[in-house]
Amino acid sequence: QVQLVESGGGLVQAGGSLRLSCAASGRSFSTYAMGWFRQAPGKEREFVAVLTWSGSSTYYADSVKGRFTISRDNAKNTVYLQMNSLKPEDTAVYYCAAGPRNARNPNGYDYWGQGTQVTVSS
């Protein structure tokens, strides 16, 4: 069982930065692949980034590649999403998720956080 709690969202101007954190409880955190997804009003939840349990491999959606960085600290049971050069279209609720393997499909994840709102003003 893994419980996930996101933090770090907020309101930022276009071009600004935010760092999201996802704190996990549960002894098996280090064995899970960790992903970030987002969902804007009226849209489906979409993949943002994922990294392997070891953190050795990362994958990004094309829309965020070069601007966002996913990382994890297994000693702190925490995964991060550093978001730079934010755009108004990045506005969404951001969710972290834990699953047995890298996946771009939300159905590939077993555990989800409650989400944190990110709003980017133009």
N, C-alpha and C. Protein backbone atom coordinates (compact mmCIF):
# COMPACT_ATOMS: atom_id res chain seq x y z
N GLN A 1 0.84 -1.19 0.00
CA GLN A 1 0.00 0.00 0.00
C GLN A 1 0.88 1.25 0.00
N VAL A 2 0.58 2.17 -0.87
CA VAL A 2 1.32 3.43 -0.96
C VAL A 2 0.33 4.58 -0.92
N GLN A 3 0.59 5.55 -0.08
CA GLN A 3 -0.22 6.77 -0.06
C GLN A 3 0.63 7.93 -0.56
N LEU A 4 0.04 8.77 -1.39
CA LEU A 4 0.77 9.85 -2.05
C LEU A 4 0.12 11.18 -1.74
N VAL A 5 0.94 12.18 -1.43
CA VAL A 5 0.43 13.52 -1.12
C VAL A 5 1.26 14.53 -1.91
N GLU A 6 0.61 15.24 -2.81
CA GLU A 6 1.29 16.26 -3.61
C GLU A 6 1.27 17.61 -2.90
N SER A 7 2.26 18.43 -3.23
CA SER A 7 2.32 19.80 -2.73
C SER A 7 3.14 20.63 -3.71
N GLY A 8 3.09 21.95 -3.53
CA GLY A 8 3.92 22.84 -4.32
C GLY A 8 3.21 23.57 -5.43
N GLY A 9 1.94 23.27 -5.64
CA GLY A 9 1.20 23.98 -6.67
C GLY A 9 0.94 25.42 -6.27
N GLY A 10 0.43 26.19 -7.22
CA GLY A 10 0.12 27.58 -6.94
C GLY A 10 -0.10 28.36 -8.21
N LEU A 11 -0.11 29.67 -8.05
CA LEU A 11 -0.30 30.60 -9.16
C LEU A 11 1.04 31.21 -9.55
N VAL A 12 1.35 31.17 -10.82
CA VAL A 12 2.63 31.70 -11.30
C VAL A 12 2.41 32.37 -12.66
N GLN A 13 3.21 33.35 -12.96
CA GLN A 13 3.11 34.01 -14.25
C GLN A 13 3.80 33.17 -15.33
N ALA A 14 3.36 33.36 -16.55
CA ALA A 14 3.99 32.67 -17.67
C ALA A 14 5.49 32.95 -17.68
N GLY A 15 6.26 31.89 -17.93
CA GLY A 15 7.71 32.00 -17.90
C GLY A 15 8.32 31.67 -16.55
N GLY A 16 7.50 31.56 -15.54
CA GLY A 16 7.97 31.26 -14.20
C GLY A 16 8.18 29.77 -13.97
N SER A 17 8.51 29.45 -12.72
CA SER A 17 8.83 28.07 -12.35
C SER A 17 8.09 27.66 -11.08
N LEU A 18 7.85 26.38 -10.98
CA LEU A 18 7.33 25.77 -9.76
C LEU A 18 7.97 24.40 -9.61
N ARG A 19 8.09 23.96 -8.37
CA ARG A 19 8.52 22.59 -8.12
C ARG A 19 7.45 21.88 -7.31
N LEU A 20 6.92 20.83 -7.90
CA LEU A 20 5.94 20.00 -7.21
C LEU A 20 6.66 18.87 -6.49
N SER A 21 6.12 18.52 -5.34
CA SER A 21 6.63 17.39 -4.56
C SER A 21 5.51 16.39 -4.36
N CYS A 22 5.90 15.14 -4.27
CA CYS A 22 4.95 14.07 -3.98
C CYS A 22 5.58 13.19 -2.91
N ALA A 23 5.02 13.28 -1.71
CA ALA A 23 5.53 12.50 -0.59
C ALA A 23 4.77 11.19 -0.51
N ALA A 24 5.51 10.11 -0.38
CA ALA A 24 4.90 8.79 -0.36
C ALA A 24 5.11 8.12 0.99
N SER A 25 4.12 7.38 1.40
CA SER A 25 4.25 6.53 2.58
C SER A 25 4.17 5.09 2.13
N GLY A 26 4.84 4.22 2.85
CA GLY A 26 4.85 2.82 2.44
C GLY A 26 6.26 2.36 2.16
N ARG A 27 6.58 1.19 2.64
CA ARG A 27 7.94 0.70 2.54
C ARG A 27 8.35 0.36 1.12
N SER A 28 7.40 0.13 0.24
CA SER A 28 7.74 -0.34 -1.10
C SER A 28 7.85 0.79 -2.12
N PHE A 29 7.93 2.04 -1.63
CA PHE A 29 8.00 3.19 -2.55
C PHE A 29 9.10 3.03 -3.58
N SER A 30 10.28 2.60 -3.13
CA SER A 30 11.44 2.55 -4.02
C SER A 30 11.31 1.51 -5.11
N THR A 31 10.31 0.64 -5.04
CA THR A 31 10.14 -0.39 -6.07
C THR A 31 9.17 0.04 -7.17
N TYR A 32 8.54 1.20 -7.01
CA TYR A 32 7.53 1.64 -7.96
C TYR A 32 8.10 2.64 -8.96
N ALA A 33 7.61 2.53 -10.18
CA ALA A 33 7.78 3.63 -11.12
C ALA A 33 6.85 4.76 -10.68
N MET A 34 7.29 6.00 -10.85
CA MET A 34 6.50 7.14 -10.40
C MET A 34 6.21 8.05 -11.59
N GLY A 35 4.97 8.44 -11.71
CA GLY A 35 4.56 9.28 -12.82
C GLY A 35 3.87 10.54 -12.36
N TRP A 36 3.88 11.54 -13.21
CA TRP A 36 3.10 12.75 -13.03
C TRP A 36 2.11 12.86 -14.20
N PHE A 37 0.89 13.19 -13.85
CA PHE A 37 -0.15 13.42 -14.83
C PHE A 37 -0.81 14.75 -14.53
N ARG A 38 -1.58 15.25 -15.46
CA ARG A 38 -2.32 16.49 -15.22
C ARG A 38 -3.67 16.42 -15.90
N GLN A 39 -4.58 17.20 -15.35
CA GLN A 39 -5.93 17.24 -15.91
C GLN A 39 -6.46 18.67 -15.85
N ALA A 40 -6.74 19.21 -17.01
CA ALA A 40 -7.33 20.53 -17.12
C ALA A 40 -8.85 20.40 -17.17
N PRO A 41 -9.57 21.45 -16.81
CA PRO A 41 -11.03 21.38 -16.82
C PRO A 41 -11.57 20.98 -18.19
N GLY A 42 -12.45 19.99 -18.19
CA GLY A 42 -13.07 19.54 -19.42
C GLY A 42 -12.20 18.65 -20.29
N LYS A 43 -11.02 18.31 -19.79
CA LYS A 43 -10.11 17.46 -20.57
C LYS A 43 -9.80 16.18 -19.82
N GLU A 44 -9.31 15.20 -20.57
CA GLU A 44 -8.91 13.95 -19.95
C GLU A 44 -7.57 14.10 -19.24
N ARG A 45 -7.34 13.22 -18.29
CA ARG A 45 -6.05 13.21 -17.61
C ARG A 45 -4.97 12.81 -18.61
N GLU A 46 -3.87 13.57 -18.62
CA GLU A 46 -2.83 13.31 -19.60
C GLU A 46 -1.48 13.08 -18.92
N PHE A 47 -0.68 12.27 -19.58
CA PHE A 47 0.65 11.94 -19.11
C PHE A 47 1.56 13.16 -19.19
N VAL A 48 2.39 13.33 -18.17
CA VAL A 48 3.38 14.40 -18.16
C VAL A 48 4.80 13.82 -18.16
N ALA A 49 5.09 12.97 -17.18
CA ALA A 49 6.44 12.42 -17.05
C ALA A 49 6.40 11.18 -16.17
N VAL A 50 7.42 10.33 -16.35
CA VAL A 50 7.54 9.14 -15.52
C VAL A 50 9.01 8.82 -15.37
N LEU A 51 9.37 8.21 -14.24
CA LEU A 51 10.72 7.70 -14.10
C LEU A 51 10.68 6.34 -13.43
N THR A 52 11.70 5.55 -13.71
CA THR A 52 11.77 4.19 -13.20
C THR A 52 12.01 4.18 -11.69
N TRP A 53 11.89 3.02 -11.10
CA TRP A 53 12.05 2.91 -9.66
C TRP A 53 13.45 3.36 -9.23
N SER A 54 14.44 3.14 -10.06
CA SER A 54 15.80 3.53 -9.72
C SER A 54 16.08 4.99 -10.07
N GLY A 55 15.22 5.58 -10.89
CA GLY A 55 15.46 6.94 -11.35
C GLY A 55 16.41 7.02 -12.53
N SER A 56 16.81 5.88 -13.06
CA SER A 56 17.81 5.87 -14.12
C SER A 56 17.23 6.22 -15.48
N SER A 57 15.94 6.08 -15.66
CA SER A 57 15.30 6.39 -16.94
C SER A 57 14.10 7.28 -16.72
N THR A 58 13.98 8.27 -17.59
CA THR A 58 12.87 9.20 -17.51
C THR A 58 12.24 9.36 -18.89
N TYR A 59 10.95 9.67 -18.89
CA TYR A 59 10.23 9.86 -20.14
C TYR A 59 9.27 11.03 -19.94
N TYR A 60 9.12 11.81 -21.01
CA TYR A 60 8.32 13.03 -20.92
C TYR A 60 7.33 13.13 -22.08
N ALA A 61 6.23 13.79 -21.81
CA ALA A 61 5.35 14.17 -22.90
C ALA A 61 6.05 15.21 -23.76
N ASP A 62 5.76 15.20 -25.04
CA ASP A 62 6.41 16.15 -25.94
C ASP A 62 6.13 17.60 -25.53
N SER A 63 4.96 17.82 -24.96
CA SER A 63 4.55 19.18 -24.61
C SER A 63 5.37 19.78 -23.48
N VAL A 64 6.06 18.94 -22.70
CA VAL A 64 6.82 19.45 -21.56
C VAL A 64 8.31 19.16 -21.68
N LYS A 65 8.71 18.42 -22.68
CA LYS A 65 10.11 18.04 -22.84
C LYS A 65 10.98 19.27 -22.95
N GLY A 66 12.06 19.28 -22.18
CA GLY A 66 12.96 20.41 -22.18
C GLY A 66 12.59 21.49 -21.18
N ARG A 67 11.39 21.41 -20.61
CA ARG A 67 10.95 22.41 -19.64
C ARG A 67 10.75 21.80 -18.25
N PHE A 68 10.29 20.55 -18.21
CA PHE A 68 10.01 19.87 -16.95
C PHE A 68 11.07 18.81 -16.68
N THR A 69 11.35 18.59 -15.40
CA THR A 69 12.29 17.54 -15.00
C THR A 69 11.69 16.75 -13.84
N ILE A 70 11.64 15.44 -14.00
CA ILE A 70 11.15 14.57 -12.93
C ILE A 70 12.35 13.94 -12.25
N SER A 71 12.27 13.82 -10.93
CA SER A 71 13.36 13.20 -10.18
C SER A 71 12.76 12.57 -8.92
N ARG A 72 13.55 11.77 -8.26
CA ARG A 72 13.08 11.13 -7.04
C ARG A 72 14.22 11.01 -6.06
N ASP A 73 13.85 10.98 -4.79
CA ASP A 73 14.78 10.74 -3.70
C ASP A 73 14.19 9.60 -2.89
N ASN A 74 14.67 8.40 -3.12
CA ASN A 74 14.10 7.23 -2.44
C ASN A 74 14.35 7.25 -0.94
N ALA A 75 15.41 7.91 -0.53
CA ALA A 75 15.70 8.01 0.90
C ALA A 75 14.64 8.86 1.61
N LYS A 76 14.05 9.80 0.86
CA LYS A 76 13.03 10.68 1.43
C LYS A 76 11.62 10.27 0.99
N ASN A 77 11.53 9.20 0.22
CA ASN A 77 10.23 8.74 -0.28
C ASN A 77 9.49 9.87 -1.00
N THR A 78 10.20 10.58 -1.83
CA THR A 78 9.63 11.76 -2.49
C THR A 78 10.00 11.79 -3.96
N VAL A 79 9.05 12.18 -4.78
CA VAL A 79 9.30 12.42 -6.19
C VAL A 79 8.98 13.88 -6.49
N TYR A 80 9.73 14.47 -7.39
CA TYR A 80 9.61 15.89 -7.69
C TYR A 80 9.30 16.11 -9.17
N LEU A 81 8.69 17.24 -9.43
CA LEU A 81 8.52 17.68 -10.81
C LEU A 81 8.90 19.15 -10.86
N GLN A 82 10.08 19.43 -11.40
CA GLN A 82 10.54 20.80 -11.59
C GLN A 82 9.98 21.32 -12.90
N MET A 83 9.24 22.40 -12.83
CA MET A 83 8.58 22.95 -14.01
C MET A 83 9.11 24.35 -14.27
N ASN A 84 9.77 24.51 -15.39
CA ASN A 84 10.32 25.79 -15.81
C ASN A 84 9.63 26.30 -17.07
N SER A 85 9.80 27.57 -17.34
CA SER A 85 9.22 28.18 -18.55
C SER A 85 7.75 27.83 -18.69
N LEU A 86 7.02 28.00 -17.62
CA LEU A 86 5.62 27.61 -17.61
C LEU A 86 4.79 28.45 -18.58
N LYS A 87 3.79 27.79 -19.14
CA LYS A 87 2.89 28.41 -20.11
C LYS A 87 1.46 28.33 -19.59
N PRO A 88 0.60 29.22 -20.04
CA PRO A 88 -0.81 29.15 -19.60
C PRO A 88 -1.44 27.78 -19.88
N GLU A 89 -1.02 27.12 -20.93
CA GLU A 89 -1.58 25.80 -21.25
C GLU A 89 -1.11 24.70 -20.30
N ASP A 90 -0.20 25.02 -19.42
CA ASP A 90 0.21 24.07 -18.38
C ASP A 90 -0.75 24.09 -17.20
N THR A 91 -1.69 25.01 -17.20
CA THR A 91 -2.65 25.10 -16.11
C THR A 91 -3.48 23.83 -16.01
N ALA A 92 -3.47 23.22 -14.83
CA ALA A 92 -4.18 21.95 -14.61
C ALA A 92 -4.01 21.54 -13.15
N VAL A 93 -4.73 20.51 -12.78
CA VAL A 93 -4.46 19.81 -11.53
C VAL A 93 -3.42 18.74 -11.84
N TYR A 94 -2.36 18.73 -11.06
CA TYR A 94 -1.27 17.79 -11.28
C TYR A 94 -1.35 16.67 -10.24
N TYR A 95 -1.22 15.44 -10.73
CA TYR A 95 -1.30 14.26 -9.88
C TYR A 95 -0.02 13.44 -9.99
N CYS A 96 0.42 12.90 -8.87
CA CYS A 96 1.47 11.90 -8.94
C CYS A 96 0.84 10.52 -8.78
N ALA A 97 1.53 9.52 -9.30
CA ALA A 97 1.01 8.17 -9.29
C ALA A 97 2.14 7.17 -9.18
N ALA A 98 1.84 6.04 -8.59
CA ALA A 98 2.82 4.97 -8.42
C ALA A 98 2.30 3.71 -9.10
N GLY A 99 3.20 3.04 -9.82
CA GLY A 99 2.80 1.83 -10.52
C GLY A 99 3.97 0.88 -10.68
N PRO A 100 3.67 -0.33 -11.15
CA PRO A 100 4.71 -1.36 -11.22
C PRO A 100 5.70 -1.17 -12.38
N ARG A 101 5.37 -0.33 -13.35
CA ARG A 101 6.25 -0.15 -14.50
C ARG A 101 6.01 1.22 -15.11
N ASN A 102 6.96 1.64 -15.95
CA ASN A 102 6.77 2.90 -16.66
C ASN A 102 5.53 2.81 -17.53
N ALA A 103 4.70 3.82 -17.49
CA ALA A 103 3.50 3.79 -18.30
C ALA A 103 3.05 5.21 -18.62
N ARG A 104 2.57 5.42 -19.81
CA ARG A 104 1.98 6.69 -20.19
C ARG A 104 0.47 6.68 -19.99
N ASN A 105 -0.09 5.50 -19.86
CA ASN A 105 -1.53 5.34 -19.66
C ASN A 105 -1.85 5.39 -18.18
N PRO A 106 -2.78 6.25 -17.76
CA PRO A 106 -3.12 6.32 -16.33
C PRO A 106 -3.57 4.98 -15.76
N ASN A 107 -4.10 4.11 -16.60
CA ASN A 107 -4.56 2.81 -16.12
C ASN A 107 -3.42 1.93 -15.65
N GLY A 108 -2.19 2.32 -15.95
CA GLY A 108 -1.04 1.53 -15.54
C GLY A 108 -0.57 1.80 -14.12
N TYR A 109 -1.30 2.62 -13.40
CA TYR A 109 -0.87 3.02 -12.06
C TYR A 109 -1.85 2.53 -11.00
N ASP A 110 -1.29 2.13 -9.86
CA ASP A 110 -2.10 1.56 -8.79
C ASP A 110 -2.51 2.59 -7.74
N TYR A 111 -1.69 3.59 -7.56
CA TYR A 111 -1.93 4.55 -6.47
C TYR A 111 -1.83 5.97 -7.01
N TRP A 112 -2.70 6.84 -6.47
CA TRP A 112 -2.77 8.23 -6.91
C TRP A 112 -2.83 9.17 -5.72
N GLY A 113 -2.25 10.35 -5.89
CA GLY A 113 -2.43 11.40 -4.91
C GLY A 113 -3.71 12.16 -5.17
N GLN A 114 -3.96 13.16 -4.34
CA GLN A 114 -5.20 13.92 -4.44
C GLN A 114 -5.10 15.07 -5.43
N GLY A 115 -3.91 15.40 -5.85
CA GLY A 115 -3.71 16.44 -6.84
C GLY A 115 -3.37 17.79 -6.23
N THR A 116 -2.66 18.61 -7.00
CA THR A 116 -2.34 19.97 -6.60
C THR A 116 -2.55 20.89 -7.80
N GLN A 117 -3.19 22.04 -7.56
CA GLN A 117 -3.54 22.94 -8.65
C GLN A 117 -2.34 23.79 -9.06
N VAL A 118 -2.12 23.84 -10.35
CA VAL A 118 -1.12 24.75 -10.93
C VAL A 118 -1.85 25.67 -11.90
N THR A 119 -1.72 26.97 -11.68
CA THR A 119 -2.34 27.96 -12.54
C THR A 119 -1.27 28.90 -13.07
N VAL A 120 -1.20 29.02 -14.38
CA VAL A 120 -0.21 29.87 -15.03
C VAL A 120 -0.96 31.02 -15.71
N SER A 121 -0.66 32.22 -15.28
CA SER A 121 -1.33 33.39 -15.85
C SER A 121 -0.52 33.96 -17.01
N SER A 122 -1.22 34.53 -17.97
CA SER A 122 -0.53 35.09 -19.15
C SER A 122 -0.15 36.53 -18.94
